[in-house]
């Protein structure tokens, strides 16, 4: 890189115990030396790599702060360049003054994601790992964090590289045989290609199928609470949110519009939407709320159907049951604290769903709701599940394109297509997979990806 960059690597929005200012580049240590005064009188250019030094940051002969400075020499650093990190006190003003001192001494302000971009360009991580960095930072729950950490560790990259190696080996053999048919035979070779390509199709197809779970991991489960009036929907929302987010009264039709809340339950993010009670009504405003509830429910990942167990089922319940069929549903038989006259046997048409007896008011039975959600959407323990989930829309699109190319190869073999034509689709699949990990990635795409990062990352 032509210039050394500097940025605040910790939060710029609030004060904390410490702040970290990071420099990276060929002159990082020299620039730090200009503003750092060691209490022992040593120069940072003379110290060993990965050592910590105590002193002060000085600008215009004035002490800005008492600091610790960490010196890390290339290539064993995050960016594979010389890196210096200055640990100063965590005040917003003092942190900015230390950064300004670095820039005055010759550093350039880092662009968003520029440290991680340099790590990618210098070969320390591939593009999918670089994108996992921002996913780790933005993780909202345990599942998303685990998936992002797996990707950062190279789980997806290794799988992609293995498939690409299989493809390129076949392409190389076919092209060599076509160039030198006297010494390299293609007799029955397509059988080997067919077996390997079909295996690759299965692997890529599973990754594409898991992308929906990946979206849910990353963005959360879009969850709609449905039920007739006074079933306890708003009480459930308040119980799950652990605060009074919704107005609760004995008056039917209290909730007339949707109310949204994001919560974390057992390591899973729920994007909860409380809706107006489903019933026939002449009230124009309430009726708008009911129709809105039905529309939102049609696009939900999960329906939590709250049944008032203290009142007999009626036509409103029948309408809801018809509305939610063929959706992922959990049925909560509410008001167990006051005695239920509705039993699970009365809900025969919903027997394919989990039916859980709860009291939203007393907050009992909600642990079973957590277990039911996990069983519906995920399998295996969060901390040990190594399955790869695609959380990135760019990855999903490229995987689908690669899958299409590999399927064309398999179909071509079945239809007796010549080997030289097979290599066209093989190479197309190879290139699409390569774009996931950053092989031959275009500069404008890299710029777009890293622009989503914060300044100090």
Foldseek 3Di string as FASTA:
>chain_A
DPFKAKDWQDDLPFFDAKTKIKIFDQCAQVLQQVFWQFPVRDGSVPDDAQDKTWTFGDDPNHTLFTWIKHWHDADPDQLRHTMIMIITGGDNVSVVVSRVSSVVSGHHHFFFLNSLLSSCVVPVAFDQLSLLVVQCVQFDFLLSNLQSVLSVVPVLVVLLVVLLVVLVVLLVLLVVCVVPVPVRPCVVVVVVVLVSLVVVLVVLVVQLVLQVLLQCRRVNFEEEEAAAWPLCLQLLVCLQVVHNQDDDDPDTFRFQAKDWDWGADPRGIYGYIYFHGQDDDPDPSSVVRNVVSLVSLVPGQEYEYRGNQADDDDVSNVVVLVSCPPHHYAYEHEDVVPPGPDDVVNVVVCVVHHYFYYYSNVSPRVNVVSVRVCVVRHDDDSVPDSDHHDNDPLLSVLSVLLSVLSVVLSVCVVVVNDPVVSSVSSVSSSVSSCVSRHDVDDPVVSVVSSNPHGSSD
